[in-house]
Amino acid sequence: MKKTLKFTALALVILSFTIMLVACTFDTYESRLIDAGYDVERYEDEALLGEQERFEKMGYEIKEYLIATKISISSFEVVTIIKFNTTKEAQRYIDEEMTGTEAVRQGAVVLFGSENAKNTALGNK
């Protein structure tokens, strides 16, 4: 009985950390981009609703959407980050809509755009 209780408690702790990690991932992308000097537009309210309706017409359900840009004299960097309802939808979006694009998927999140911008959002830079 004690082993079962310990296992259940451990499983709940792991589940809680996993949920927190997944919940803050989109915020983490946004923070990294802001810290690196990108102008970030995170869609909320009406803007997010508009994107959700647009994606729904294509057969996808999205939860979050942002675009980040950084302009300098010598370069223009941009990344679009979309959080889908499921990882399966995110992969289907890449397979069906992003052909010829170097999109990156992390769970239900899809990132595409400039390599530097993607790497910054991912924390690889």
N, C-alpha and C. Protein backbone atom coordinates (compact mmCIF):
# COMPACT_ATOMS: atom_id res chain seq x y z
N MET A 1 0.82 -1.19 0.00
CA MET A 1 0.00 0.00 0.00
C MET A 1 0.87 1.25 0.00
N LYS A 2 1.95 1.24 0.81
CA LYS A 2 2.83 2.40 0.88
C LYS A 2 3.53 2.63 -0.45
N LYS A 3 3.92 1.54 -1.13
CA LYS A 3 4.58 1.67 -2.43
C LYS A 3 3.62 2.29 -3.45
N THR A 4 2.39 1.86 -3.42
CA THR A 4 1.39 2.39 -4.35
C THR A 4 1.16 3.87 -4.09
N LEU A 5 1.08 4.25 -2.83
CA LEU A 5 0.88 5.65 -2.47
C LEU A 5 2.07 6.50 -2.89
N LYS A 6 3.29 6.01 -2.67
CA LYS A 6 4.49 6.74 -3.08
C LYS A 6 4.55 6.88 -4.59
N PHE A 7 4.24 5.80 -5.29
CA PHE A 7 4.24 5.84 -6.75
C PHE A 7 3.21 6.84 -7.27
N THR A 8 2.03 6.83 -6.70
CA THR A 8 0.96 7.75 -7.12
C THR A 8 1.38 9.19 -6.86
N ALA A 9 1.97 9.46 -5.71
CA ALA A 9 2.43 10.82 -5.39
C ALA A 9 3.51 11.26 -6.36
N LEU A 10 4.45 10.39 -6.65
CA LEU A 10 5.51 10.70 -7.60
C LEU A 10 4.94 10.96 -8.99
N ALA A 11 4.00 10.15 -9.40
CA ALA A 11 3.38 10.33 -10.71
C ALA A 11 2.66 11.68 -10.79
N LEU A 12 1.99 12.07 -9.72
CA LEU A 12 1.30 13.37 -9.70
C LEU A 12 2.28 14.53 -9.76
N VAL A 13 3.40 14.40 -9.08
CA VAL A 13 4.42 15.45 -9.12
C VAL A 13 4.97 15.58 -10.53
N ILE A 14 5.29 14.47 -11.16
CA ILE A 14 5.81 14.49 -12.53
C ILE A 14 4.78 15.07 -13.48
N LEU A 15 3.54 14.69 -13.34
CA LEU A 15 2.47 15.23 -14.18
C LEU A 15 2.34 16.73 -13.99
N SER A 16 2.42 17.22 -12.78
CA SER A 16 2.32 18.65 -12.50
C SER A 16 3.45 19.42 -13.17
N PHE A 17 4.68 18.90 -13.06
CA PHE A 17 5.81 19.57 -13.70
C PHE A 17 5.68 19.55 -15.22
N THR A 18 5.19 18.46 -15.77
CA THR A 18 4.99 18.36 -17.21
C THR A 18 3.97 19.39 -17.68
N ILE A 19 2.88 19.52 -16.97
CA ILE A 19 1.85 20.49 -17.33
C ILE A 19 2.41 21.90 -17.25
N MET A 20 3.17 22.21 -16.21
CA MET A 20 3.77 23.54 -16.09
C MET A 20 4.75 23.80 -17.22
N LEU A 21 5.53 22.80 -17.59
CA LEU A 21 6.50 22.96 -18.66
C LEU A 21 5.80 23.23 -19.98
N VAL A 22 4.76 22.47 -20.28
CA VAL A 22 4.02 22.66 -21.52
C VAL A 22 3.32 24.01 -21.53
N ALA A 23 2.77 24.41 -20.40
CA ALA A 23 2.04 25.68 -20.31
C ALA A 23 2.96 26.87 -20.50
N CYS A 24 4.19 26.80 -20.03
CA CYS A 24 5.06 27.96 -20.12
C CYS A 24 5.92 27.96 -21.37
N THR A 25 5.89 26.94 -22.18
CA THR A 25 6.75 26.87 -23.36
C THR A 25 6.51 28.04 -24.30
N PHE A 26 5.28 28.37 -24.60
CA PHE A 26 4.99 29.46 -25.52
C PHE A 26 5.50 30.77 -24.93
N ASP A 27 5.32 30.97 -23.63
CA ASP A 27 5.85 32.16 -22.96
C ASP A 27 7.37 32.20 -23.05
N THR A 28 8.00 31.06 -22.97
CA THR A 28 9.46 30.99 -23.05
C THR A 28 9.95 31.43 -24.42
N TYR A 29 9.30 30.96 -25.49
CA TYR A 29 9.67 31.40 -26.83
C TYR A 29 9.57 32.92 -26.92
N GLU A 30 8.45 33.45 -26.44
CA GLU A 30 8.22 34.89 -26.48
C GLU A 30 9.30 35.64 -25.71
N SER A 31 9.61 35.21 -24.51
CA SER A 31 10.61 35.87 -23.68
C SER A 31 11.99 35.87 -24.33
N ARG A 32 12.37 34.74 -24.88
CA ARG A 32 13.69 34.65 -25.54
C ARG A 32 13.78 35.64 -26.69
N LEU A 33 12.72 35.73 -27.47
CA LEU A 33 12.73 36.64 -28.62
C LEU A 33 12.77 38.10 -28.17
N ILE A 34 12.00 38.44 -27.17
CA ILE A 34 12.00 39.81 -26.64
C ILE A 34 13.38 40.16 -26.10
N ASP A 35 13.97 39.24 -25.33
CA ASP A 35 15.29 39.47 -24.75
C ASP A 35 16.35 39.67 -25.83
N ALA A 36 16.16 39.07 -27.00
CA ALA A 36 17.12 39.18 -28.11
C ALA A 36 16.83 40.39 -29.00
N GLY A 37 15.86 41.21 -28.63
CA GLY A 37 15.59 42.42 -29.37
C GLY A 37 14.58 42.32 -30.49
N TYR A 38 13.83 41.24 -30.53
CA TYR A 38 12.79 41.09 -31.56
C TYR A 38 11.54 41.86 -31.15
N ASP A 39 10.83 42.36 -32.13
CA ASP A 39 9.49 42.92 -31.91
C ASP A 39 8.53 41.75 -31.99
N VAL A 40 7.82 41.49 -30.92
CA VAL A 40 6.96 40.31 -30.85
C VAL A 40 5.50 40.76 -30.79
N GLU A 41 4.72 40.16 -31.68
CA GLU A 41 3.27 40.37 -31.66
C GLU A 41 2.61 39.04 -31.34
N ARG A 42 2.13 38.92 -30.14
CA ARG A 42 1.41 37.72 -29.71
C ARG A 42 -0.08 37.99 -29.90
N TYR A 43 -0.71 37.18 -30.71
CA TYR A 43 -2.11 37.41 -31.03
C TYR A 43 -2.99 37.04 -29.86
N GLU A 44 -3.88 37.96 -29.52
CA GLU A 44 -4.83 37.74 -28.44
C GLU A 44 -6.19 38.25 -28.87
N ASP A 45 -7.19 37.88 -28.14
CA ASP A 45 -8.55 38.38 -28.34
C ASP A 45 -8.99 38.24 -29.80
N GLU A 46 -9.38 39.35 -30.42
CA GLU A 46 -9.92 39.33 -31.78
C GLU A 46 -8.90 38.84 -32.80
N ALA A 47 -7.65 39.25 -32.64
CA ALA A 47 -6.62 38.83 -33.58
C ALA A 47 -6.42 37.32 -33.53
N LEU A 48 -6.38 36.76 -32.33
CA LEU A 48 -6.23 35.31 -32.19
C LEU A 48 -7.47 34.60 -32.72
N LEU A 49 -8.62 35.13 -32.43
CA LEU A 49 -9.86 34.55 -32.93
C LEU A 49 -9.87 34.50 -34.46
N GLY A 50 -9.38 35.57 -35.08
CA GLY A 50 -9.30 35.60 -36.54
C GLY A 50 -8.40 34.52 -37.09
N GLU A 51 -7.24 34.33 -36.45
CA GLU A 51 -6.32 33.27 -36.88
C GLU A 51 -6.93 31.89 -36.63
N GLN A 52 -7.59 31.74 -35.49
CA GLN A 52 -8.22 30.45 -35.19
C GLN A 52 -9.27 30.12 -36.25
N GLU A 53 -10.05 31.10 -36.66
CA GLU A 53 -11.06 30.86 -37.69
C GLU A 53 -10.41 30.52 -39.03
N ARG A 54 -9.32 31.22 -39.37
CA ARG A 54 -8.61 30.95 -40.63
C ARG A 54 -8.05 29.52 -40.63
N PHE A 55 -7.45 29.10 -39.53
CA PHE A 55 -6.89 27.75 -39.46
C PHE A 55 -8.00 26.70 -39.41
N GLU A 56 -9.11 27.03 -38.78
CA GLU A 56 -10.23 26.10 -38.71
C GLU A 56 -10.75 25.78 -40.11
N LYS A 57 -10.75 26.76 -40.99
CA LYS A 57 -11.18 26.54 -42.38
C LYS A 57 -10.26 25.57 -43.10
N MET A 58 -9.00 25.50 -42.65
CA MET A 58 -8.05 24.56 -43.25
C MET A 58 -8.05 23.22 -42.53
N GLY A 59 -8.84 23.10 -41.45
CA GLY A 59 -8.95 21.83 -40.75
C GLY A 59 -8.04 21.68 -39.54
N TYR A 60 -7.57 22.81 -38.99
CA TYR A 60 -6.68 22.78 -37.84
C TYR A 60 -7.27 23.60 -36.70
N GLU A 61 -6.89 23.24 -35.49
CA GLU A 61 -7.28 24.01 -34.31
C GLU A 61 -6.02 24.53 -33.65
N ILE A 62 -5.93 25.86 -33.52
CA ILE A 62 -4.75 26.44 -32.88
C ILE A 62 -5.13 27.09 -31.55
N LYS A 63 -4.14 27.16 -30.66
CA LYS A 63 -4.35 27.74 -29.34
C LYS A 63 -3.61 29.06 -29.18
N GLU A 64 -2.43 29.17 -29.80
CA GLU A 64 -1.58 30.36 -29.66
C GLU A 64 -0.96 30.69 -31.01
N TYR A 65 -0.62 31.98 -31.18
CA TYR A 65 -0.03 32.42 -32.44
C TYR A 65 0.79 33.66 -32.16
N LEU A 66 2.03 33.67 -32.66
CA LEU A 66 2.82 34.89 -32.55
C LEU A 66 3.76 35.03 -33.73
N ILE A 67 4.10 36.27 -34.02
CA ILE A 67 5.08 36.61 -35.06
C ILE A 67 6.10 37.54 -34.42
N ALA A 68 7.38 37.25 -34.66
CA ALA A 68 8.45 38.09 -34.14
C ALA A 68 9.33 38.53 -35.30
N THR A 69 9.71 39.80 -35.29
CA THR A 69 10.58 40.33 -36.34
C THR A 69 11.73 41.12 -35.72
N LYS A 70 12.82 41.14 -36.45
CA LYS A 70 13.99 41.92 -36.05
C LYS A 70 14.62 42.46 -37.32
N ILE A 71 14.69 43.77 -37.41
CA ILE A 71 15.21 44.42 -38.61
C ILE A 71 16.48 45.18 -38.26
N SER A 72 17.50 44.96 -39.07
CA SER A 72 18.74 45.73 -38.93
C SER A 72 19.14 46.21 -40.32
N ILE A 73 20.21 46.94 -40.39
CA ILE A 73 20.68 47.45 -41.68
C ILE A 73 20.98 46.32 -42.65
N SER A 74 21.51 45.23 -42.14
CA SER A 74 21.95 44.15 -43.02
C SER A 74 21.04 42.93 -43.06
N SER A 75 19.99 42.91 -42.23
CA SER A 75 19.17 41.69 -42.22
C SER A 75 17.74 41.96 -41.79
N PHE A 76 16.91 41.01 -42.13
CA PHE A 76 15.51 40.98 -41.70
C PHE A 76 15.24 39.56 -41.23
N GLU A 77 14.91 39.42 -39.96
CA GLU A 77 14.64 38.09 -39.41
C GLU A 77 13.20 38.04 -38.94
N VAL A 78 12.57 36.92 -39.19
CA VAL A 78 11.18 36.74 -38.78
C VAL A 78 10.94 35.29 -38.41
N VAL A 79 10.09 35.08 -37.43
CA VAL A 79 9.66 33.73 -37.06
C VAL A 79 8.18 33.78 -36.71
N THR A 80 7.48 32.78 -37.16
CA THR A 80 6.08 32.59 -36.79
C THR A 80 6.02 31.34 -35.93
N ILE A 81 5.31 31.45 -34.81
CA ILE A 81 5.19 30.32 -33.89
C ILE A 81 3.70 30.07 -33.66
N ILE A 82 3.29 28.83 -33.90
CA ILE A 82 1.88 28.46 -33.77
C ILE A 82 1.78 27.25 -32.85
N LYS A 83 0.91 27.35 -31.88
CA LYS A 83 0.64 26.21 -31.00
C LYS A 83 -0.68 25.58 -31.42
N PHE A 84 -0.61 24.34 -31.85
CA PHE A 84 -1.80 23.60 -32.28
C PHE A 84 -2.45 22.90 -31.10
N ASN A 85 -3.63 22.40 -31.32
CA ASN A 85 -4.36 21.70 -30.28
C ASN A 85 -3.66 20.40 -29.89
N THR A 86 -3.07 19.71 -30.87
CA THR A 86 -2.40 18.44 -30.61
C THR A 86 -1.10 18.35 -31.39
N THR A 87 -0.21 17.47 -30.96
CA THR A 87 1.03 17.24 -31.70
C THR A 87 0.73 16.63 -33.07
N LYS A 88 -0.30 15.84 -33.14
CA LYS A 88 -0.69 15.22 -34.41
C LYS A 88 -1.08 16.28 -35.43
N GLU A 89 -1.85 17.28 -34.99
CA GLU A 89 -2.23 18.38 -35.88
C GLU A 89 -1.01 19.18 -36.32
N ALA A 90 -0.10 19.42 -35.39
CA ALA A 90 1.12 20.18 -35.71
C ALA A 90 1.92 19.45 -36.78
N GLN A 91 2.08 18.14 -36.63
CA GLN A 91 2.83 17.37 -37.62
C GLN A 91 2.10 17.34 -38.96
N ARG A 92 0.80 17.22 -38.93
CA ARG A 92 0.01 17.22 -40.17
C ARG A 92 0.15 18.57 -40.89
N TYR A 93 0.16 19.65 -40.12
CA TYR A 93 0.33 20.98 -40.70
C TYR A 93 1.67 21.09 -41.42
N ILE A 94 2.72 20.60 -40.78
CA ILE A 94 4.05 20.61 -41.41
C ILE A 94 4.04 19.78 -42.68
N ASP A 95 3.49 18.57 -42.59
CA ASP A 95 3.48 17.65 -43.73
C ASP A 95 2.66 18.18 -44.90
N GLU A 96 1.53 18.81 -44.61
CA GLU A 96 0.60 19.21 -45.67
C GLU A 96 0.75 20.66 -46.11
N GLU A 97 1.14 21.54 -45.22
CA GLU A 97 1.14 22.97 -45.54
C GLU A 97 2.53 23.58 -45.65
N MET A 98 3.52 22.96 -45.07
CA MET A 98 4.84 23.57 -44.98
C MET A 98 5.87 22.91 -45.89
N THR A 99 5.45 22.30 -46.97
CA THR A 99 6.38 21.64 -47.87
C THR A 99 7.36 22.67 -48.42
N GLY A 100 8.62 22.32 -48.44
CA GLY A 100 9.66 23.21 -48.93
C GLY A 100 10.10 24.24 -47.90
N THR A 101 9.63 24.13 -46.68
CA THR A 101 9.97 25.05 -45.61
C THR A 101 10.68 24.29 -44.51
N GLU A 102 11.65 24.92 -43.91
CA GLU A 102 12.37 24.30 -42.79
C GLU A 102 11.65 24.59 -41.48
N ALA A 103 10.49 24.01 -41.30
CA ALA A 103 9.73 24.20 -40.07
C ALA A 103 10.26 23.27 -38.99
N VAL A 104 10.13 23.71 -37.75
CA VAL A 104 10.54 22.92 -36.60
C VAL A 104 9.31 22.67 -35.75
N ARG A 105 9.17 21.43 -35.29
CA ARG A 105 8.05 21.11 -34.40
C ARG A 105 8.59 20.68 -33.06
N GLN A 106 8.04 21.28 -32.01
CA GLN A 106 8.33 20.84 -30.64
C GLN A 106 6.98 20.57 -29.99
N GLY A 107 6.63 19.31 -29.90
CA GLY A 107 5.32 18.95 -29.39
C GLY A 107 4.25 19.49 -30.32
N ALA A 108 3.33 20.27 -29.78
CA ALA A 108 2.24 20.82 -30.57
C ALA A 108 2.57 22.19 -31.14
N VAL A 109 3.82 22.63 -30.97
CA VAL A 109 4.24 23.96 -31.43
C VAL A 109 5.06 23.83 -32.70
N VAL A 110 4.73 24.69 -33.68
CA VAL A 110 5.45 24.73 -34.95
C VAL A 110 6.10 26.10 -35.09
N LEU A 111 7.39 26.11 -35.43
CA LEU A 111 8.13 27.34 -35.65
C LEU A 111 8.64 27.33 -37.09
N PHE A 112 8.49 28.45 -37.79
CA PHE A 112 9.06 28.56 -39.12
C PHE A 112 9.44 30.00 -39.40
N GLY A 113 10.45 30.16 -40.24
CA GLY A 113 10.96 31.48 -40.58
C GLY A 113 12.47 31.44 -40.69
N SER A 114 13.10 32.57 -40.37
CA SER A 114 14.55 32.70 -40.46
C SER A 114 15.24 31.76 -39.48
N GLU A 115 16.37 31.20 -39.91
CA GLU A 115 17.11 30.27 -39.04
C GLU A 115 17.51 30.94 -37.73
N ASN A 116 18.04 32.16 -37.80
CA ASN A 116 18.46 32.85 -36.57
C ASN A 116 17.29 33.07 -35.63
N ALA A 117 16.16 33.46 -36.17
CA ALA A 117 14.99 33.72 -35.33
C ALA A 117 14.48 32.42 -34.70
N LYS A 118 14.44 31.35 -35.48
CA LYS A 118 14.01 30.06 -34.92
C LYS A 118 14.96 29.61 -33.81
N ASN A 119 16.26 29.72 -34.07
CA ASN A 119 17.25 29.31 -33.07
C ASN A 119 17.14 30.16 -31.80
N THR A 120 16.88 31.44 -31.95
CA THR A 120 16.71 32.29 -30.78
C THR A 120 15.51 31.85 -29.96
N ALA A 121 14.39 31.62 -30.63
CA ALA A 121 13.17 31.17 -29.93
C ALA A 121 13.39 29.84 -29.23
N LEU A 122 14.14 28.96 -29.85
CA LEU A 122 14.41 27.64 -29.30
C LEU A 122 15.48 27.64 -28.20
N GLY A 123 16.16 28.77 -28.05
CA GLY A 123 17.22 28.86 -27.04
C GLY A 123 18.54 28.28 -27.52
N ASN A 124 18.69 28.14 -28.83
CA ASN A 124 19.92 27.58 -29.40
C ASN A 124 20.95 28.64 -29.74
N LYS A 125 20.71 29.87 -29.34
CA LYS A 125 21.60 30.95 -29.71
C LYS A 125 21.92 31.80 -28.52
